[in-house]
Amino acid sequence: MVIFEINTKEAKKVFLEIKRLMRVSKAWKLTSSIEITVLDGKIQLVGQGFVKEMDASTTGTCKLVVRALYWFDLVDMTQDKIFKVVVTHGEAMVRTVTVPVQTTFFETDRILRSIPLPANPESIDYWKLEYQGYTVDELQFNNVATKIPKAKKEFLSEKPAFSFAPLEFQIAS
């Protein structure tokens, strides 16, 4: 079980900003989800086209994936000064409301780093991940490890839009 508490006023502000970003990027759907990573002293919110961090009081580390609509409603309806969430296997509870979530718990937060990608990632975005210092564990955890080889193959099979003529050099004697 992991518990995190955030300032409700700050949470409402951040979630309203996220809602706007999702609508602008056309990522807003009934099935849209947000990945919440609970770390020591903060939470990280990641979705299609955004990464936000908030200070929090936490009792452990975990990652959960929640439906955006549930969380927007829960945050919006909360009247308490502190928004407290209790995360257990398969569910998260706010006061007396329990919602289903996908959860993963960790002893340490070693591989909990989220990988920010654009709202509509292209092959090159996945290929770049290989060179940005992410570990294999992080790539697998964020479900992008299998997309890198596919991106390479797709990128290399594309015909270039232009070509370079070979340069000839002459050395003056």
Protein backbone atom coordinates (compact mmCIF):
# COMPACT_ATOMS: atom_id res chain seq x y z
CA MET A 1 0.00 0.00 0.00
CA VAL A 2 1.23 3.49 -0.89
CA ILE A 3 -0.31 6.75 0.29
CA PHE A 4 0.29 10.15 -1.25
CA GLU A 5 -1.11 13.52 -0.28
CA ILE A 6 -1.08 16.67 -2.39
CA ASN A 7 -2.39 20.19 -1.91
CA THR A 8 -5.91 20.21 -3.39
CA LYS A 9 -5.68 23.79 -4.69
CA GLU A 10 -2.42 23.00 -6.52
CA ALA A 11 -3.87 19.69 -7.80
CA LYS A 12 -6.93 21.43 -9.27
CA LYS A 13 -4.68 23.93 -11.02
CA VAL A 14 -2.38 21.24 -12.47
CA PHE A 15 -5.24 18.95 -13.55
CA LEU A 16 -7.04 21.86 -15.26
CA GLU A 17 -3.83 22.63 -17.16
CA ILE A 18 -3.48 18.95 -18.15
CA LYS A 19 -7.10 18.87 -19.32
CA ARG A 20 -6.43 21.88 -21.56
CA LEU A 21 -3.26 20.32 -22.96
CA MET A 22 -5.06 17.07 -23.74
CA ARG A 23 -7.86 18.89 -25.53
CA VAL A 24 -5.45 21.02 -27.58
CA SER A 25 -3.42 17.98 -28.64
CA LYS A 26 -6.66 16.14 -29.47
CA ALA A 27 -5.67 13.40 -27.01
CA TRP A 28 -8.82 13.89 -24.93
CA LYS A 29 -11.05 10.82 -25.10
CA LEU A 30 -13.24 8.93 -22.66
CA THR A 31 -10.52 6.29 -22.47
CA SER A 32 -7.63 8.76 -22.00
CA SER A 33 -5.32 7.79 -19.18
CA ILE A 34 -2.70 9.43 -17.00
CA GLU A 35 0.32 7.68 -15.57
CA ILE A 36 1.00 8.75 -11.98
CA THR A 37 4.43 7.93 -10.60
CA VAL A 38 4.74 8.27 -6.84
CA LEU A 39 8.32 9.00 -5.78
CA ASP A 40 9.86 10.16 -2.51
CA GLY A 41 8.39 13.61 -1.87
CA LYS A 42 6.72 14.13 -5.25
CA ILE A 43 4.41 12.70 -7.86
CA GLN A 44 4.91 12.80 -11.60
CA LEU A 45 1.95 12.96 -13.98
CA VAL A 46 2.59 11.77 -17.54
CA GLY A 47 0.20 11.62 -20.46
CA GLN A 48 0.17 12.02 -24.18
CA GLY A 49 2.19 15.19 -24.77
CA PHE A 50 2.83 16.30 -21.16
CA VAL A 51 4.89 15.65 -18.03
CA LYS A 52 4.02 17.47 -14.78
CA GLU A 53 5.49 17.15 -11.31
CA MET A 54 3.93 18.06 -7.98
CA ASP A 55 5.30 18.08 -4.45
CA ALA A 56 3.63 15.45 -2.30
CA SER A 57 3.81 13.67 1.01
CA THR A 58 4.38 9.99 0.19
CA THR A 59 4.75 6.68 2.04
CA GLY A 60 6.32 4.60 -0.71
CA THR A 61 6.92 4.35 -4.43
CA CYS A 62 4.62 3.05 -7.14
CA LYS A 63 3.30 3.74 -10.58
CA LEU A 64 -0.37 3.68 -11.46
CA VAL A 65 -2.32 4.28 -14.62
CA VAL A 66 -5.70 5.93 -14.16
CA ARG A 67 -8.53 7.03 -16.40
CA ALA A 68 -8.24 10.78 -16.79
CA LEU A 69 -11.97 11.40 -16.33
CA TYR A 70 -12.03 9.66 -12.93
CA TRP A 71 -9.18 11.78 -11.66
CA PHE A 72 -10.44 15.07 -13.03
CA ASP A 73 -13.77 14.46 -11.29
CA LEU A 74 -12.21 13.31 -8.01
CA VAL A 75 -9.86 16.28 -7.84
CA ASP A 76 -12.59 18.71 -8.87
CA MET A 77 -15.10 17.44 -6.27
CA THR A 78 -12.67 17.39 -3.34
CA GLN A 79 -13.37 20.08 -0.77
CA ASP A 80 -10.58 19.08 1.64
CA LYS A 81 -7.34 21.09 1.74
CA ILE A 82 -5.34 17.90 1.20
CA PHE A 83 -6.10 15.40 -1.57
CA LYS A 84 -5.21 12.01 -0.07
CA VAL A 85 -4.92 8.87 -2.20
CA VAL A 86 -4.44 5.34 -0.91
CA VAL A 87 -3.10 2.98 -3.60
CA THR A 88 -3.43 -0.78 -3.24
CA HIS A 89 -3.15 -3.57 -5.83
CA GLY A 90 -5.59 -2.77 -8.61
CA GLU A 91 -7.33 0.19 -6.99
CA ALA A 92 -6.91 3.70 -5.65
CA MET A 93 -9.11 5.21 -2.97
CA VAL A 94 -9.91 8.89 -2.37
CA ARG A 95 -11.97 9.28 0.81
CA THR A 96 -14.70 6.65 0.29
CA VAL A 97 -14.49 6.46 -3.51
CA THR A 98 -12.52 3.57 -4.99
CA VAL A 99 -11.52 3.48 -8.66
CA PRO A 100 -9.85 0.66 -10.61
CA VAL A 101 -6.25 1.35 -11.67
CA GLN A 102 -3.29 -0.52 -13.07
CA THR A 103 -0.60 -0.53 -10.40
CA THR A 104 3.03 -1.48 -10.00
CA PHE A 105 4.85 -1.29 -6.68
CA PHE A 106 8.60 -0.99 -6.17
CA GLU A 107 11.04 -1.31 -3.30
CA THR A 108 13.05 1.55 -4.80
CA ASP A 109 12.32 4.16 -7.43
CA ARG A 110 15.29 3.08 -9.60
CA ILE A 111 13.30 2.42 -12.80
CA LEU A 112 10.37 4.75 -12.22
CA ARG A 113 11.68 7.51 -14.50
CA SER A 114 8.98 8.25 -17.07
CA ILE A 115 9.94 8.82 -20.67
CA PRO A 116 8.44 11.97 -22.17
CA LEU A 117 7.35 11.59 -25.79
CA PRO A 118 5.51 14.02 -28.08
CA ALA A 119 1.73 13.72 -28.36
CA ASN A 120 2.08 11.93 -31.71
CA PRO A 121 5.51 10.26 -31.65
CA GLU A 122 7.22 9.35 -34.91
CA SER A 123 9.84 6.69 -35.64
CA ILE A 124 12.72 9.07 -34.97
CA ASP A 125 11.34 9.88 -31.49
CA TYR A 126 11.52 6.20 -30.50
CA TRP A 127 14.93 5.74 -32.11
CA LYS A 128 16.38 8.70 -30.17
CA LEU A 129 15.46 7.03 -26.86
CA GLU A 130 18.25 4.52 -27.37
CA TYR A 131 20.79 7.37 -27.18
CA GLN A 132 19.27 9.41 -24.35
CA GLY A 133 20.64 7.43 -21.42
CA TYR A 134 17.61 5.31 -20.53
CA THR A 135 18.29 1.84 -19.16
CA VAL A 136 16.78 -1.31 -20.69
CA ASP A 137 14.63 -1.64 -17.54
CA GLU A 138 13.26 1.89 -18.00
CA LEU A 139 12.52 1.30 -21.69
CA GLN A 140 10.73 -1.97 -20.90
CA PHE A 141 8.84 -0.47 -17.97
CA ASN A 142 7.57 2.41 -20.13
CA ASN A 143 6.52 -0.04 -22.90
CA VAL A 144 8.78 1.47 -25.55
CA ALA A 145 11.57 -1.13 -25.76
CA THR A 146 9.80 -3.07 -28.52
CA LYS A 147 9.05 0.10 -30.48
CA ILE A 148 12.72 1.04 -30.92
CA PRO A 149 13.70 -1.80 -33.32
CA LYS A 150 10.47 -1.23 -35.29
CA ALA A 151 11.24 2.50 -35.48
CA LYS A 152 14.78 1.81 -36.73
CA LYS A 153 13.52 -0.54 -39.42
CA GLU A 154 10.80 1.89 -40.50
CA PHE A 155 13.15 4.86 -40.47
CA LEU A 156 15.86 3.09 -42.44
CA SER A 157 13.42 1.78 -45.04
CA GLU A 158 12.15 5.27 -45.89
CA LYS A 159 13.55 6.81 -49.05
CA PRO A 160 15.41 10.04 -48.37
CA ALA A 161 13.77 13.23 -49.56
CA PHE A 162 17.13 14.44 -50.88
CA SER A 163 20.59 13.07 -51.56
CA PHE A 164 24.08 14.41 -51.34
CA ALA A 165 26.50 14.31 -54.21
CA PRO A 166 29.92 13.01 -53.22
CA LEU A 167 32.48 15.72 -52.62
CA GLU A 168 35.85 15.55 -54.29
CA PHE A 169 38.88 17.02 -52.63
CA GLN A 170 42.12 17.94 -54.32
CA ILE A 171 45.23 18.52 -52.33
CA ALA A 172 47.35 21.32 -53.63
CA SER A 173 51.05 20.52 -53.81
